[in-house]
Amino acid sequence: MKKAFSKVGVVAAAVALSVPVLAGSASAFDGPAAKNSWGCDNGYPNRVNFSYHPGTVTTTVYYNNHCSYKVQASVRIEDHNGSVSIQCFSIPAGKKSHIKFQQGASGFFNGIYKGC
């Protein structure tokens, strides 16, 4: 009985299929993935959680608010010339969603902070 695929052919196909996926995802981001969270003011174990992956022009922040109240947070965006912009936003109680921030091609998303 003749084999339909050789080991070399299967490995070559797997490598060929993986290259476009890796190349496409690596160029979409210019910063490492990051997370931040803090506890609710009304007690443990409830928390508000954030994750984001800075992009070249925009950064999408994903959040999950386990607190029973609206949480205030801020992001810090720096421009290439050193100017800093602080943008505040509110996260509704018990909500999980995302928000997109525009930093421009020369800007840098520099994290999420508690309060405004």
C-alpha atoms as a PDB file:
ATOM      1  CA  MET A   1       0.000   0.000   0.000  1.00  0.00           C
ATOM      2  CA  LYS A   2       1.379   3.413  -0.977  1.00  0.00           C
ATOM      3  CA  LYS A   3       1.392   6.312   1.529  1.00  0.00           C
ATOM      4  CA  ALA A   4      -0.566   9.371   0.481  1.00  0.00           C
ATOM      5  CA  PHE A   5       1.780  11.847   2.261  1.00  0.00           C
ATOM      6  CA  SER A   6       5.430  11.653   3.155  1.00  0.00           C
ATOM      7  CA  LYS A   7       6.715  12.968   6.498  1.00  0.00           C
ATOM      8  CA  VAL A   8       8.637  15.697   4.679  1.00  0.00           C
ATOM      9  CA  GLY A   9       5.533  16.783   2.764  1.00  0.00           C
ATOM     10  CA  VAL A  10       3.407  16.971   5.931  1.00  0.00           C
ATOM     11  CA  VAL A  11       6.047  19.035   7.767  1.00  0.00           C
ATOM     12  CA  ALA A  12       6.466  21.372   4.787  1.00  0.00           C
ATOM     13  CA  ALA A  13       2.700  21.880   4.570  1.00  0.00           C
ATOM     14  CA  ALA A  14       2.456  22.600   8.302  1.00  0.00           C
ATOM     15  CA  VAL A  15       5.272  25.169   8.105  1.00  0.00           C
ATOM     16  CA  ALA A  16       3.751  26.796   5.029  1.00  0.00           C
ATOM     17  CA  LEU A  17       0.387  27.098   6.746  1.00  0.00           C
ATOM     18  CA  SER A  18       1.840  28.547   9.947  1.00  0.00           C
ATOM     19  CA  VAL A  19       4.016  31.266   8.398  1.00  0.00           C
ATOM     20  CA  PRO A  20       1.217  33.597   7.183  1.00  0.00           C
ATOM     21  CA  VAL A  21      -0.578  33.333  10.535  1.00  0.00           C
ATOM     22  CA  LEU A  22       2.539  34.262  12.500  1.00  0.00           C
ATOM     23  CA  ALA A  23       3.555  37.034  10.131  1.00  0.00           C
ATOM     24  CA  GLY A  24       0.084  38.582  10.156  1.00  0.00           C
ATOM     25  CA  SER A  25      -0.311  38.603  13.924  1.00  0.00           C
ATOM     26  CA  ALA A  26       3.216  39.827  14.702  1.00  0.00           C
ATOM     27  CA  SER A  27       2.890  42.948  12.576  1.00  0.00           C
ATOM     28  CA  ALA A  28      -0.487  43.919  14.040  1.00  0.00           C
ATOM     29  CA  PHE A  29       0.963  44.764  17.481  1.00  0.00           C
ATOM     30  CA  ASP A  30       3.972  46.763  18.584  1.00  0.00           C
ATOM     31  CA  GLY A  31       3.854  46.081  22.311  1.00  0.00           C
ATOM     32  CA  PRO A  32       3.557  43.070  24.571  1.00  0.00           C
ATOM     33  CA  ALA A  33       0.219  41.955  25.972  1.00  0.00           C
ATOM     34  CA  ALA A  34      -0.455  43.399  29.401  1.00  0.00           C
ATOM     35  CA  LYS A  35      -2.938  42.998  32.240  1.00  0.00           C
ATOM     36  CA  ASN A  36      -3.958  45.079  35.208  1.00  0.00           C
ATOM     37  CA  SER A  37      -6.549  44.647  37.945  1.00  0.00           C
ATOM     38  CA  TRP A  38      -7.492  45.919  41.354  1.00  0.00           C
ATOM     39  CA  GLY A  39      -9.896  44.959  44.088  1.00  0.00           C
ATOM     40  CA  CYS A  40     -13.305  46.520  44.573  1.00  0.00           C
ATOM     41  CA  ASP A  41     -13.637  49.038  47.392  1.00  0.00           C
ATOM     42  CA  ASN A  42     -16.491  46.987  48.869  1.00  0.00           C
ATOM     43  CA  GLY A  43     -14.369  43.943  49.620  1.00  0.00           C
ATOM     44  CA  TYR A  44     -12.632  40.794  48.558  1.00  0.00           C
ATOM     45  CA  PRO A  45     -12.760  38.740  46.311  1.00  0.00           C
ATOM     46  CA  ASN A  46     -14.407  41.005  43.718  1.00  0.00           C
ATOM     47  CA  ARG A  47     -12.088  42.717  41.235  1.00  0.00           C
ATOM     48  CA  VAL A  48     -12.048  44.722  38.037  1.00  0.00           C
ATOM     49  CA  ASN A  49      -9.778  43.189  35.389  1.00  0.00           C
ATOM     50  CA  PHE A  50      -8.171  44.695  32.281  1.00  0.00           C
ATOM     51  CA  SER A  51      -6.150  43.306  29.399  1.00  0.00           C
ATOM     52  CA  TYR A  52      -4.749  45.060  26.368  1.00  0.00           C
ATOM     53  CA  HIS A  53      -2.200  44.677  23.600  1.00  0.00           C
ATOM     54  CA  PRO A  54      -0.877  48.039  22.383  1.00  0.00           C
ATOM     55  CA  GLY A  55      -1.214  48.496  18.637  1.00  0.00           C
ATOM     56  CA  THR A  56       0.429  50.902  16.232  1.00  0.00           C
ATOM     57  CA  VAL A  57      -2.454  53.388  15.973  1.00  0.00           C
ATOM     58  CA  THR A  58      -5.114  52.150  18.413  1.00  0.00           C
ATOM     59  CA  THR A  59      -5.231  50.022  21.545  1.00  0.00           C
ATOM     60  CA  THR A  60      -8.289  48.011  22.544  1.00  0.00           C
ATOM     61  CA  VAL A  61      -8.735  47.543  26.288  1.00  0.00           C
ATOM     62  CA  TYR A  62     -10.863  44.604  27.408  1.00  0.00           C
ATOM     63  CA  TYR A  63     -12.429  44.873  30.837  1.00  0.00           C
ATOM     64  CA  ASN A  64     -14.520  42.795  33.223  1.00  0.00           C
ATOM     65  CA  ASN A  65     -15.984  44.632  36.208  1.00  0.00           C
ATOM     66  CA  HIS A  66     -16.997  42.273  39.024  1.00  0.00           C
ATOM     67  CA  CYS A  67     -17.684  45.204  41.368  1.00  0.00           C
ATOM     68  CA  SER A  68     -21.247  46.157  42.302  1.00  0.00           C
ATOM     69  CA  TYR A  69     -20.628  49.792  41.319  1.00  0.00           C
ATOM     70  CA  LYS A  70     -19.273  51.832  38.410  1.00  0.00           C
ATOM     71  CA  VAL A  71     -15.459  51.906  38.342  1.00  0.00           C
ATOM     72  CA  GLN A  72     -13.413  54.896  37.155  1.00  0.00           C
ATOM     73  CA  ALA A  73     -10.145  54.228  35.322  1.00  0.00           C
ATOM     74  CA  SER A  74      -7.730  56.186  33.173  1.00  0.00           C
ATOM     75  CA  VAL A  75      -5.224  55.473  30.427  1.00  0.00           C
ATOM     76  CA  ARG A  76      -1.988  57.311  29.768  1.00  0.00           C
ATOM     77  CA  ILE A  77      -0.971  57.980  26.174  1.00  0.00           C
ATOM     78  CA  GLU A  78       2.376  59.582  25.335  1.00  0.00           C
ATOM     79  CA  ASP A  79       3.267  61.250  22.053  1.00  0.00           C
ATOM     80  CA  HIS A  80       6.670  61.065  20.328  1.00  0.00           C
ATOM     81  CA  ASN A  81       7.496  64.609  21.522  1.00  0.00           C
ATOM     82  CA  GLY A  82       6.871  63.726  25.194  1.00  0.00           C
ATOM     83  CA  SER A  83       3.400  65.235  25.628  1.00  0.00           C
ATOM     84  CA  VAL A  84       1.112  63.123  27.820  1.00  0.00           C
ATOM     85  CA  SER A  85      -2.638  62.661  27.501  1.00  0.00           C
ATOM     86  CA  ILE A  86      -4.728  61.145  30.298  1.00  0.00           C
ATOM     87  CA  GLN A  87      -8.109  59.786  29.211  1.00  0.00           C
ATOM     88  CA  CYS A  88     -10.680  58.805  31.842  1.00  0.00           C
ATOM     89  CA  PHE A  89     -13.434  56.266  31.320  1.00  0.00           C
ATOM     90  CA  SER A  90     -16.130  54.545  33.379  1.00  0.00           C
ATOM     91  CA  ILE A  91     -16.901  50.848  33.517  1.00  0.00           C
ATOM     92  CA  PRO A  92     -20.499  49.973  34.437  1.00  0.00           C
ATOM     93  CA  ALA A  93     -21.099  47.641  37.385  1.00  0.00           C
ATOM     94  CA  GLY A  94     -20.992  43.962  36.482  1.00  0.00           C
ATOM     95  CA  LYS A  95     -20.115  44.561  32.805  1.00  0.00           C
ATOM     96  CA  LYS A  96     -17.656  42.836  30.502  1.00  0.00           C
ATOM     97  CA  SER A  97     -16.782  44.588  27.244  1.00  0.00           C
ATOM     98  CA  HIS A  98     -14.041  46.629  25.571  1.00  0.00           C
ATOM     99  CA  ILE A  99     -13.109  50.193  24.668  1.00  0.00           C
ATOM    100  CA  LYS A 100     -10.762  51.426  21.935  1.00  0.00           C
ATOM    101  CA  PHE A 101      -8.243  54.258  22.422  1.00  0.00           C
ATOM    102  CA  GLN A 102      -6.644  56.179  19.575  1.00  0.00           C
ATOM    103  CA  GLN A 103      -2.999  57.110  20.128  1.00  0.00           C
ATOM    104  CA  GLY A 104      -1.989  57.858  16.538  1.00  0.00           C
ATOM    105  CA  ALA A 105       0.998  56.541  14.615  1.00  0.00           C
ATOM    106  CA  SER A 106       3.498  58.443  16.777  1.00  0.00           C
ATOM    107  CA  GLY A 107       1.821  57.774  20.135  1.00  0.00           C
ATOM    108  CA  PHE A 108       2.457  55.132  22.765  1.00  0.00           C
ATOM    109  CA  PHE A 109      -0.163  53.547  25.030  1.00  0.00           C
ATOM    110  CA  ASN A 110       1.373  53.576  28.528  1.00  0.00           C
ATOM    111  CA  GLY A 111      -1.037  51.671  30.766  1.00  0.00           C
ATOM    112  CA  ILE A 112      -4.281  51.669  32.767  1.00  0.00           C
ATOM    113  CA  TYR A 113      -4.599  53.271  36.185  1.00  0.00           C
ATOM    114  CA  LYS A 114      -7.186  53.325  38.951  1.00  0.00           C
ATOM    115  CA  GLY A 115      -9.293  56.491  39.121  1.00  0.00           C
ATOM    116  CA  CYS A 116      -9.218  59.683  37.066  1.00  0.00           C
END
